[in-house]
């Protein structure tokens, strides 16, 4: 799993110091969380909505996420104002909320997009 993190992001020192990260795949109906985690002016409210639990290595994960990927950092490559972290997936948690299928939200071509009704993203 690969994630790029800006050096000014609050997650950057946490990942550097712990060598772990968790990626939460959110559903399209949770797009408000995208703003909370991508805007520094909303940093204080990131964990105020949704139900959060602790996973492997004490990593917080969103209970309602469609999938949570828990990763150990196995490599890092700094480039300009960000670092690309390469993670080995050590755990995966699949959502069992509502028992139904939820439309995953992805970031593609510079914007949020849903996958419903698409053959390819």
Protein backbone atom coordinates (compact mmCIF):
# COMPACT_ATOMS: atom_id res chain seq x y z
CA UNK A 1 0.00 0.00 0.00
CA UNK A 2 1.38 3.41 -0.89
CA UNK A 3 0.47 6.77 0.65
CA UNK A 4 1.91 10.24 0.00
CA UNK A 5 1.95 12.56 3.02
CA UNK A 6 2.84 16.25 3.04
CA UNK A 7 5.60 17.14 5.49
CA UNK A 8 3.30 19.78 7.03
CA UNK A 9 0.52 17.23 7.69
CA UNK A 10 -0.14 16.18 11.28
CA UNK A 11 0.12 12.52 10.21
CA UNK A 12 3.67 12.95 8.94
CA UNK A 13 5.56 12.93 12.27
CA UNK A 14 3.23 10.22 13.62
CA UNK A 15 4.05 7.90 10.71
CA UNK A 16 7.78 8.71 10.87
CA UNK A 17 7.98 8.00 14.61
CA UNK A 18 5.77 4.88 14.72
CA UNK A 19 6.50 3.33 11.30
CA UNK A 20 2.80 2.41 11.01
CA UNK A 21 -0.23 3.82 9.23
CA UNK A 22 -3.86 2.91 8.62
CA UNK A 23 -5.83 3.74 5.50
CA UNK A 24 -9.60 3.88 5.92
CA UNK A 25 -11.58 3.36 2.70
CA UNK A 26 -14.66 5.48 3.30
CA UNK A 27 -18.00 5.23 1.55
CA UNK A 28 -19.52 7.89 -0.68
CA UNK A 29 -21.99 8.85 2.07
CA UNK A 30 -19.07 9.89 4.31
CA UNK A 31 -17.57 12.49 1.97
CA UNK A 32 -17.62 15.06 4.81
CA UNK A 33 -14.76 13.08 6.39
CA UNK A 34 -12.66 13.71 3.30
CA UNK A 35 -12.70 17.45 4.04
CA UNK A 36 -11.88 16.91 7.71
CA UNK A 37 -8.76 14.91 6.90
CA UNK A 38 -7.56 16.86 3.86
CA UNK A 39 -7.90 20.42 5.21
CA UNK A 40 -5.54 21.67 7.91
CA UNK A 41 -8.10 24.25 9.13
CA UNK A 42 -10.39 21.33 10.12
CA UNK A 43 -7.60 19.36 11.84
CA UNK A 44 -9.11 19.77 15.33
CA UNK A 45 -12.41 18.17 14.26
CA UNK A 46 -11.02 15.10 12.50
CA UNK A 47 -11.94 12.51 15.10
CA UNK A 48 -15.07 14.26 16.41
CA UNK A 49 -17.48 12.53 14.03
CA UNK A 50 -17.89 8.83 13.38
CA UNK A 51 -17.05 5.95 15.67
CA UNK A 52 -13.32 5.30 16.01
CA UNK A 53 -11.60 2.24 17.47
CA UNK A 54 -8.01 1.14 17.93
CA UNK A 55 -6.51 -1.56 15.74
CA UNK A 56 -3.07 -3.18 15.49
CA UNK A 57 -0.26 -1.03 16.97
CA UNK A 58 -2.91 1.29 18.45
CA UNK A 59 -3.80 2.70 15.02
CA UNK A 60 -7.17 4.47 14.97
CA UNK A 61 -9.66 3.18 12.42
CA UNK A 62 -13.14 4.28 11.41
CA UNK A 63 -15.71 1.65 12.38
CA UNK A 64 -17.91 2.49 9.39
CA UNK A 65 -15.09 2.38 6.80
CA UNK A 66 -15.75 -0.08 3.98
CA UNK A 67 -12.21 -1.41 4.47
CA UNK A 68 -9.33 -0.55 6.80
CA UNK A 69 -5.75 -1.38 5.83
CA UNK A 70 -3.22 -1.56 8.68
CA UNK A 71 0.33 -1.18 7.41
CA UNK A 72 3.94 -1.36 8.59
CA UNK A 73 6.22 1.14 6.81
CA UNK A 74 8.80 -0.79 4.79
CA UNK A 75 10.10 2.12 2.75
CA UNK A 76 9.90 5.87 2.36
CA UNK A 77 10.88 8.22 -0.45
CA UNK A 78 10.99 11.97 0.16
CA UNK A 79 10.06 14.16 -2.80
CA UNK A 80 9.82 17.94 -2.51
CA UNK A 81 7.25 18.72 0.23
CA UNK A 82 6.00 15.17 0.79
CA UNK A 83 7.12 11.63 1.49
CA UNK A 84 5.78 8.52 -0.20
CA UNK A 85 5.47 5.76 2.39
CA UNK A 86 5.41 2.16 1.23
CA UNK A 87 3.47 -0.06 3.60
CA UNK A 88 3.23 -3.80 4.03
CA UNK A 89 -0.36 -4.68 4.86
CA UNK A 90 -0.39 -6.51 8.20
CA UNK A 91 -4.14 -6.46 8.73
CA UNK A 92 -7.38 -5.78 6.92
CA UNK A 93 -10.76 -5.07 8.47
CA UNK A 94 -13.89 -5.28 6.32
CA UNK A 95 -17.02 -3.39 7.27
CA UNK A 96 -20.00 -5.32 8.50
CA UNK A 97 -22.20 -2.27 9.03
CA UNK A 98 -25.79 -2.61 7.86
CA UNK A 99 -24.94 -5.90 6.14
CA UNK A 100 -25.32 -4.16 2.78
CA UNK A 101 -22.97 -3.05 0.04
CA UNK A 102 -21.77 0.55 0.26
CA UNK A 103 -20.33 2.57 -2.59
CA UNK A 104 -16.61 3.18 -1.92
CA UNK A 105 -15.24 6.69 -2.34
CA UNK A 106 -11.97 7.00 -4.26
CA UNK A 107 -9.69 9.87 -5.21
CA UNK A 108 -9.04 9.86 -8.94
CA UNK A 109 -8.05 12.53 -11.45
CA UNK A 110 -7.74 15.15 -8.71
CA UNK A 111 -11.20 14.75 -7.20
CA UNK A 112 -13.43 12.47 -5.16
CA UNK A 113 -15.43 9.95 -7.18
CA UNK A 114 -17.75 7.04 -6.47
CA UNK A 115 -17.48 3.67 -8.15
CA UNK A 116 -21.20 2.88 -8.50
CA UNK A 117 -22.21 2.31 -12.10
CA UNK A 118 -18.65 2.33 -13.44
CA UNK A 119 -16.97 -0.58 -15.12
CA UNK A 120 -13.59 1.09 -14.64
CA UNK A 121 -12.56 3.97 -12.38
